[in-house]
Amino acid sequence: MGQGKRAWIYCAIDAPEDRNGALKSQFKQLIDYGEQMGFELVGSSSDVGTTPLWNRNGFRHFIEAVQKEQIDVLLIVNRGRLSRSSMQLARFQILQENYDVDAYSPLEGKIEFGS
């Protein structure tokens, strides 16, 4: 299904630190899902805390890879890992459309951010 698609794994929690291993759990879940979908993993990043999406270091690494056209797919546990702000998600949708990047989740499959 995903043959030839290059995937980036992005993990995030809104806690100030990862005391319970949530990032590791997300990463394992996304590795397994990416393999199941046939994606080629080309990078990963993670963030902790409540910093707005576009100011997070881990998310910025993803953006840099997208701008270099190294990514076809973003793997996230769910859309809430990006943001709960409709404005930030709309901005992500613009990035997605400009660079033809799809987002996938083990829970939702292909995630549609548009109307």
C-alpha atoms as a PDB file:
ATOM      1  CA  MET A   1       0.000   0.000   0.000  1.00  0.00           C
ATOM      2  CA  GLY A   2       2.601   2.565   1.055  1.00  0.00           C
ATOM      3  CA  GLN A   3       5.446   1.211  -1.066  1.00  0.00           C
ATOM      4  CA  GLY A   4       7.945   3.910  -1.890  1.00  0.00           C
ATOM      5  CA  LYS A   5       6.439   6.464   0.504  1.00  0.00           C
ATOM      6  CA  ARG A   6       8.937   8.040   2.876  1.00  0.00           C
ATOM      7  CA  ALA A   7       7.610   8.464   6.394  1.00  0.00           C
ATOM      8  CA  TRP A   8       8.500  10.660   9.350  1.00  0.00           C
ATOM      9  CA  ILE A   9       7.414   9.613  12.828  1.00  0.00           C
ATOM     10  CA  TYR A  10       6.338  12.437  15.122  1.00  0.00           C
ATOM     11  CA  CYS A  11       5.601  11.777  18.799  1.00  0.00           C
ATOM     12  CA  ALA A  12       4.408  14.371  21.289  1.00  0.00           C
ATOM     13  CA  ILE A  13       2.968  14.635  24.771  1.00  0.00           C
ATOM     14  CA  ASP A  14       1.645  17.714  26.530  1.00  0.00           C
ATOM     15  CA  ALA A  15       3.319  16.882  29.853  1.00  0.00           C
ATOM     16  CA  PRO A  16       6.508  18.733  30.868  1.00  0.00           C
ATOM     17  CA  GLU A  17       8.443  15.445  30.958  1.00  0.00           C
ATOM     18  CA  ASP A  18       7.912  11.832  29.913  1.00  0.00           C
ATOM     19  CA  ARG A  19       7.819   9.994  33.237  1.00  0.00           C
ATOM     20  CA  ASN A  20       5.725   7.067  31.998  1.00  0.00           C
ATOM     21  CA  GLY A  21       7.454   6.307  28.710  1.00  0.00           C
ATOM     22  CA  ALA A  22       4.617   7.637  26.549  1.00  0.00           C
ATOM     23  CA  LEU A  23       6.957   8.822  23.788  1.00  0.00           C
ATOM     24  CA  LYS A  24       8.625   5.416  23.584  1.00  0.00           C
ATOM     25  CA  SER A  25       5.199   3.759  23.438  1.00  0.00           C
ATOM     26  CA  GLN A  26       4.036   6.115  20.661  1.00  0.00           C
ATOM     27  CA  PHE A  27       7.252   5.524  18.727  1.00  0.00           C
ATOM     28  CA  LYS A  28       6.907   1.726  18.926  1.00  0.00           C
ATOM     29  CA  GLN A  29       3.264   1.906  17.851  1.00  0.00           C
ATOM     30  CA  LEU A  30       4.156   4.116  14.883  1.00  0.00           C
ATOM     31  CA  ILE A  31       7.147   1.975  13.840  1.00  0.00           C
ATOM     32  CA  ASP A  32       4.881  -1.083  13.779  1.00  0.00           C
ATOM     33  CA  TYR A  33       2.170   0.789  11.879  1.00  0.00           C
ATOM     34  CA  GLY A  34       4.636   2.199   9.351  1.00  0.00           C
ATOM     35  CA  GLU A  35       6.038  -1.269   8.676  1.00  0.00           C
ATOM     36  CA  GLN A  36       2.532  -2.685   8.325  1.00  0.00           C
ATOM     37  CA  MET A  37       1.669   0.061   5.812  1.00  0.00           C
ATOM     38  CA  GLY A  38       4.884  -0.479   3.859  1.00  0.00           C
ATOM     39  CA  PHE A  39       6.346   2.975   4.476  1.00  0.00           C
ATOM     40  CA  GLU A  40      10.079   3.639   4.502  1.00  0.00           C
ATOM     41  CA  LEU A  41      11.051   5.363   7.758  1.00  0.00           C
ATOM     42  CA  VAL A  42      13.364   8.280   6.974  1.00  0.00           C
ATOM     43  CA  GLY A  43      13.248  10.239  10.223  1.00  0.00           C
ATOM     44  CA  SER A  44      11.612  10.898  13.534  1.00  0.00           C
ATOM     45  CA  SER A  45      11.298  13.538  16.193  1.00  0.00           C
ATOM     46  CA  SER A  46       9.404  14.194  19.385  1.00  0.00           C
ATOM     47  CA  ASP A  47       8.350  16.986  21.692  1.00  0.00           C
ATOM     48  CA  VAL A  48       7.169  17.355  25.277  1.00  0.00           C
ATOM     49  CA  GLY A  49       5.241  20.220  26.790  1.00  0.00           C
ATOM     50  CA  THR A  50       2.566  22.627  25.671  1.00  0.00           C
ATOM     51  CA  THR A  51       4.579  24.776  23.265  1.00  0.00           C
ATOM     52  CA  PRO A  52       2.545  25.761  20.178  1.00  0.00           C
ATOM     53  CA  LEU A  53       3.076  23.326  17.282  1.00  0.00           C
ATOM     54  CA  TRP A  54       5.069  25.651  15.038  1.00  0.00           C
ATOM     55  CA  ASN A  55       7.503  26.536  17.858  1.00  0.00           C
ATOM     56  CA  ARG A  56       8.354  22.947  18.818  1.00  0.00           C
ATOM     57  CA  ASN A  57      11.897  21.817  17.991  1.00  0.00           C
ATOM     58  CA  GLY A  58      10.878  18.288  17.023  1.00  0.00           C
ATOM     59  CA  PHE A  59       8.151  19.526  14.710  1.00  0.00           C
ATOM     60  CA  ARG A  60      10.588  21.991  13.132  1.00  0.00           C
ATOM     61  CA  HIS A  61      12.857  19.053  12.213  1.00  0.00           C
ATOM     62  CA  PHE A  62       9.888  17.513  10.387  1.00  0.00           C
ATOM     63  CA  ILE A  63       9.189  20.816   8.583  1.00  0.00           C
ATOM     64  CA  GLU A  64      12.838  21.060   7.455  1.00  0.00           C
ATOM     65  CA  ALA A  65      12.638  17.556   5.972  1.00  0.00           C
ATOM     66  CA  VAL A  66       9.340  18.419   4.242  1.00  0.00           C
ATOM     67  CA  GLN A  67      10.838  21.584   2.744  1.00  0.00           C
ATOM     68  CA  LYS A  68      13.740  19.511   1.403  1.00  0.00           C
ATOM     69  CA  GLU A  69      11.108  17.211  -0.154  1.00  0.00           C
ATOM     70  CA  GLN A  70      12.399  14.197   1.788  1.00  0.00           C
ATOM     71  CA  ILE A  71       8.997  13.227   3.264  1.00  0.00           C
ATOM     72  CA  ASP A  72       5.748  11.881   1.809  1.00  0.00           C
ATOM     73  CA  VAL A  73       3.978  10.843   5.012  1.00  0.00           C
ATOM     74  CA  LEU A  74       3.739  12.002   8.622  1.00  0.00           C
ATOM     75  CA  LEU A  75       2.927   9.240  11.124  1.00  0.00           C
ATOM     76  CA  ILE A  76       1.249  10.372  14.343  1.00  0.00           C
ATOM     77  CA  VAL A  77      -0.731   8.501  16.978  1.00  0.00           C
ATOM     78  CA  ASN A  78      -3.663  10.910  16.490  1.00  0.00           C
ATOM     79  CA  ARG A  79      -4.269  14.461  15.289  1.00  0.00           C
ATOM     80  CA  GLY A  80      -4.235  15.689  18.909  1.00  0.00           C
ATOM     81  CA  ARG A  81      -0.480  15.059  18.978  1.00  0.00           C
ATOM     82  CA  LEU A  82      -0.132  17.973  16.579  1.00  0.00           C
ATOM     83  CA  SER A  83      -2.517  20.415  18.187  1.00  0.00           C
ATOM     84  CA  ARG A  84      -6.028  20.938  19.439  1.00  0.00           C
ATOM     85  CA  SER A  85      -6.050  24.415  17.895  1.00  0.00           C
ATOM     86  CA  SER A  86      -8.041  24.625  14.666  1.00  0.00           C
ATOM     87  CA  MET A  87      -5.797  27.510  13.535  1.00  0.00           C
ATOM     88  CA  GLN A  88      -2.625  25.455  13.963  1.00  0.00           C
ATOM     89  CA  LEU A  89      -4.220  22.482  12.212  1.00  0.00           C
ATOM     90  CA  ALA A  90      -5.317  24.748   9.342  1.00  0.00           C
ATOM     91  CA  ARG A  91      -1.740  25.925   9.006  1.00  0.00           C
ATOM     92  CA  PHE A  92      -0.607  22.297   8.958  1.00  0.00           C
ATOM     93  CA  GLN A  93      -3.161  21.597   6.214  1.00  0.00           C
ATOM     94  CA  ILE A  94      -1.609  24.359   4.086  1.00  0.00           C
ATOM     95  CA  LEU A  95       1.851  22.817   4.571  1.00  0.00           C
ATOM     96  CA  GLN A  96       0.370  19.446   3.682  1.00  0.00           C
ATOM     97  CA  GLU A  97      -1.198  20.749   0.472  1.00  0.00           C
ATOM     98  CA  ASN A  98       1.851  22.767  -0.596  1.00  0.00           C
ATOM     99  CA  TYR A  99       4.230  19.820  -0.215  1.00  0.00           C
ATOM    100  CA  ASP A 100       1.836  16.918  -0.927  1.00  0.00           C
ATOM    101  CA  VAL A 101       2.408  15.284   2.457  1.00  0.00           C
ATOM    102  CA  ASP A 102      -0.182  12.921   3.916  1.00  0.00           C
ATOM    103  CA  ALA A 103      -0.735  12.253   7.611  1.00  0.00           C
ATOM    104  CA  TYR A 104      -1.561   8.767   8.884  1.00  0.00           C
ATOM    105  CA  SER A 105      -2.530   7.381  12.261  1.00  0.00           C
ATOM    106  CA  PRO A 106      -2.971   3.773  13.400  1.00  0.00           C
ATOM    107  CA  LEU A 107      -6.321   4.830  14.873  1.00  0.00           C
ATOM    108  CA  GLU A 108      -7.645   6.953  12.001  1.00  0.00           C
ATOM    109  CA  GLY A 109      -5.805   5.753   8.888  1.00  0.00           C
ATOM    110  CA  LYS A 110      -5.265   8.652   6.508  1.00  0.00           C
ATOM    111  CA  ILE A 111      -6.110  11.859   8.353  1.00  0.00           C
ATOM    112  CA  GLU A 112      -8.038  14.527   6.500  1.00  0.00           C
ATOM    113  CA  PHE A 113      -7.626  18.019   7.965  1.00  0.00           C
ATOM    114  CA  GLY A 114      -9.725  19.849   5.381  1.00  0.00           C
ATOM    115  CA  SER A 115     -13.452  20.271   5.086  1.00  0.00           C
END
